[in-house]
Protein backbone atom coordinates (compact mmCIF):
# COMPACT_ATOMS: atom_id res chain seq x y z
CA UNK A 1 50.71 29.12 51.31
CA UNK A 2 50.45 27.62 54.78
CA UNK A 3 46.62 27.56 54.84
CA UNK A 4 46.63 25.75 51.46
CA UNK A 5 49.20 23.24 52.75
CA UNK A 6 47.16 22.62 55.91
CA UNK A 7 43.99 22.26 53.85
CA UNK A 8 45.80 19.77 51.61
CA UNK A 9 46.81 17.78 54.67
CA UNK A 10 43.24 17.64 55.89
CA UNK A 11 41.91 16.62 52.49
CA UNK A 12 44.61 13.95 52.17
CA UNK A 13 43.75 12.47 55.54
CA UNK A 14 40.04 12.57 54.80
CA UNK A 15 40.55 10.91 51.41
CA UNK A 16 42.67 8.20 52.99
CA UNK A 17 40.06 7.59 55.66
CA UNK A 18 37.23 7.65 53.12
CA UNK A 19 39.03 5.07 50.99
CA UNK A 20 39.27 2.80 54.01
CA UNK A 21 35.64 3.51 54.77
CA UNK A 22 34.57 2.33 51.33
CA UNK A 23 35.86 -1.13 52.18
CA UNK A 24 34.09 -1.17 55.55
CA UNK A 25 30.39 -0.63 56.00
CA UNK A 26 29.15 2.59 57.62
CA UNK A 27 32.56 3.94 58.56
CA UNK A 28 32.99 6.09 60.58
CA UNK A 29 30.22 5.65 63.08
CA UNK A 30 32.09 7.00 66.11
CA UNK A 31 34.91 9.45 66.93
CA UNK A 32 38.34 8.79 65.45
CA UNK A 33 41.51 9.12 67.53
CA UNK A 34 44.80 10.48 66.18
CA UNK A 35 47.61 9.57 68.56
CA UNK A 36 50.51 12.03 68.45
CA UNK A 37 53.61 10.57 70.13
CA UNK A 38 54.89 14.02 71.13
CA UNK A 39 53.72 16.81 73.45
CA UNK A 40 51.25 19.41 72.22
CA UNK A 41 52.62 22.31 70.21
CA UNK A 42 55.26 20.50 68.12
CA UNK A 43 55.18 19.96 64.35
CA UNK A 44 53.43 16.56 64.48
CA UNK A 45 50.81 17.90 66.87
CA UNK A 46 50.09 20.96 64.72
CA UNK A 47 49.85 18.87 61.55
CA UNK A 48 47.55 16.38 63.28
CA UNK A 49 45.26 19.17 64.49
CA UNK A 50 45.07 20.78 61.04
CA UNK A 51 44.34 17.45 59.38
CA UNK A 52 41.78 16.52 62.05
CA UNK A 53 39.84 19.73 61.59
CA UNK A 54 39.38 19.25 57.84
CA UNK A 55 38.88 15.49 57.98
CA UNK A 56 36.30 15.80 60.75
CA UNK A 57 34.17 18.10 58.57
CA UNK A 58 34.44 15.69 55.62
CA UNK A 59 33.70 12.57 57.66
CA UNK A 60 31.02 13.97 59.95
CA UNK A 61 32.68 12.58 63.08
CA UNK A 62 34.84 14.20 65.73
CA UNK A 63 38.56 13.50 65.50
CA UNK A 64 40.30 13.55 68.85
CA UNK A 65 43.99 14.37 69.20
CA UNK A 66 45.58 12.22 71.89
CA UNK A 67 49.14 13.29 72.81
CA UNK A 68 51.21 10.39 74.19
CA UNK A 69 54.78 11.75 74.41
CA UNK A 70 57.86 9.92 75.52
CA UNK A 71 60.65 7.50 74.62
CA UNK A 72 61.26 9.00 71.17
CA UNK A 73 57.68 8.30 70.00
CA UNK A 74 57.65 4.70 71.28
CA UNK A 75 54.96 5.30 73.93
CA UNK A 76 52.44 6.70 71.44
CA UNK A 77 53.33 4.15 68.77
CA UNK A 78 52.83 1.36 71.31
CA UNK A 79 49.32 2.62 72.11
CA UNK A 80 48.40 2.46 68.42
CA UNK A 81 50.16 -0.87 67.81
CA UNK A 82 48.11 -2.45 70.60
CA UNK A 83 44.79 -0.81 69.74
CA UNK A 84 41.97 -2.61 67.95
CA UNK A 85 42.58 -2.69 64.16
CA UNK A 86 39.16 -1.17 63.48
CA UNK A 87 40.07 2.03 61.61
CA UNK A 88 39.46 4.36 64.55
CA UNK A 89 43.00 4.82 65.91
CA UNK A 90 45.80 6.34 63.82
CA UNK A 91 49.37 7.34 64.64
CA UNK A 92 50.67 10.72 63.45
CA UNK A 93 54.37 10.05 63.69
CA UNK A 94 57.74 10.96 62.26
CA UNK A 95 61.03 9.25 61.45
CA UNK A 96 61.27 7.52 64.82
CA UNK A 97 58.48 5.09 64.09
CA UNK A 98 60.59 3.68 61.27
CA UNK A 99 63.98 3.82 62.96
CA UNK A 100 63.27 3.06 66.62
CA UNK A 101 63.61 -0.70 66.24
CA UNK A 102 66.96 -0.18 64.51
CA UNK A 103 68.45 1.86 67.35
CA UNK A 104 66.73 0.42 70.43
CA UNK A 105 67.38 -2.99 71.91
CA UNK A 106 63.91 -3.68 73.25
CA UNK A 107 60.65 -2.56 71.71
CA UNK A 108 57.19 -3.09 73.23
CA UNK A 109 55.70 -3.84 69.79
CA UNK A 110 56.83 -5.33 66.47
CA UNK A 111 57.32 -3.15 63.42
CA UNK A 112 54.60 -5.00 61.50
CA UNK A 113 52.05 -4.03 64.17
CA UNK A 114 51.89 -0.62 62.44
CA UNK A 115 50.84 -0.23 58.82
CA UNK A 116 51.32 2.99 56.81
CA UNK A 117 48.02 4.46 55.67
CA UNK A 118 48.68 7.97 54.35
CA UNK A 119 51.25 10.73 54.33
CA UNK A 120 49.56 13.84 55.63
CA UNK A 121 52.46 16.28 55.56
CA UNK A 122 56.07 17.06 54.83
CA UNK A 123 57.94 18.95 57.54
CA UNK A 124 61.37 20.35 56.72
CA UNK A 125 64.05 20.40 59.41
CA UNK A 126 65.11 23.87 60.48
CA UNK A 127 68.06 24.53 62.77
CA UNK A 128 67.46 27.52 65.05
CA UNK A 129 69.67 29.28 67.58
CA UNK A 130 69.06 32.20 69.95
CA UNK A 131 68.80 35.51 68.06
CA UNK A 132 71.88 36.88 69.82
CA UNK A 133 74.11 33.95 68.77
CA UNK A 134 77.35 35.01 67.04
CA UNK A 135 76.85 32.59 64.10
CA UNK A 136 74.41 33.33 61.31
CA UNK A 137 74.47 30.15 59.21
CA UNK A 138 74.94 26.40 59.64
CA UNK A 139 78.58 26.47 58.53
CA UNK A 140 79.45 29.04 61.23
CA UNK A 141 77.45 27.08 63.81
CA UNK A 142 79.31 23.81 63.13
CA UNK A 143 82.69 25.59 63.13
CA UNK A 144 81.91 27.27 66.47
CA UNK A 145 80.77 23.95 67.99
CA UNK A 146 84.17 22.42 67.13
CA UNK A 147 85.98 25.24 68.93
CA UNK A 148 83.86 25.15 72.10
CA UNK A 149 85.17 23.06 74.98
CA UNK A 150 82.22 20.71 75.50
CA UNK A 151 80.36 21.30 72.28
CA UNK A 152 76.91 22.84 71.96
CA UNK A 153 73.71 21.54 73.48
CA UNK A 154 71.42 20.17 70.74
CA UNK A 155 67.73 19.92 71.58
CA UNK A 156 65.76 17.04 70.04
CA UNK A 157 62.24 15.64 70.25
CA UNK A 158 63.71 12.44 71.70
CA UNK A 159 66.02 9.63 70.69
CA UNK A 160 65.40 8.60 67.10
CA UNK A 161 63.55 11.82 66.23
CA UNK A 162 64.37 13.77 63.08
CA UNK A 163 66.43 16.38 65.00
CA UNK A 164 68.42 13.50 66.51
CA UNK A 165 69.30 12.26 63.00
CA UNK A 166 70.23 15.79 61.91
CA UNK A 167 72.60 15.96 64.91
CA UNK A 168 74.18 12.68 63.85
CA UNK A 169 74.75 13.97 60.32
CA UNK A 170 76.27 17.22 61.58
CA UNK A 171 78.67 15.24 63.77
CA UNK A 172 79.65 12.37 61.48
CA UNK A 173 79.72 14.20 58.14
CA UNK A 174 80.74 17.71 59.19
CA UNK A 175 82.61 17.15 62.47
CA UNK A 176 80.25 19.20 64.63
CA UNK A 177 80.59 18.79 68.37
CA UNK A 178 77.06 18.48 69.79
CA UNK A 179 75.60 17.24 73.06
CA UNK A 180 72.07 15.85 72.59
CA UNK A 181 69.42 17.02 75.04
CA UNK A 182 66.19 15.04 74.43
CA UNK A 183 62.79 16.63 75.02
CA UNK A 184 59.30 15.19 74.52
CA UNK A 185 58.45 17.43 71.57
CA UNK A 186 59.77 20.08 69.25
CA UNK A 187 57.84 22.75 71.14
CA UNK A 188 59.67 21.90 74.38
CA UNK A 189 63.03 22.02 72.62
CA UNK A 190 62.21 25.41 71.07
CA UNK A 191 61.29 26.76 74.51
CA UNK A 192 64.66 25.55 75.80
CA UNK A 193 66.54 27.25 72.94
CA UNK A 194 64.61 30.49 73.49
CA UNK A 195 65.58 30.34 77.16
CA UNK A 196 69.25 29.82 76.25
């Protein structure tokens, strides 16, 4: 199932790019850059790489993955917002690109500097804990967090990332007691959880 999903992502990205190319003459004539606003190894990075591989074959041009992590996806989004609007630079982002301006006072770009082009994937949120944790489901995890003195550390891919919103829901709706620890990507946060 995963190879089919990844192939679908690549075909979707290629179709989106080809549709844009029909409006422009002789597109693409040079490498395309996909900016991922997170470190390598996280969900967005893996999806971008899968899509790039398939789209590159369809388009006949290299597609370069350019990781620009930091500030809850703002650094990478800013690079794309300020790039030439020539169809050669795309942002592979997540929830933060939509919500950052709602939760941050100052933004280096305006929301309308970025235009949605295509959805290349759906990535479900999965809560993971160390294998030796005493709780085996989300209900037990939330209950245990309420009983702990300082709450549990909650790794995110930065302020405004999807895991950050999940933390907010667990606290406001279910009373969980969580202390956010922001990382630059999901892969870094997973490494932290694995290391306890």
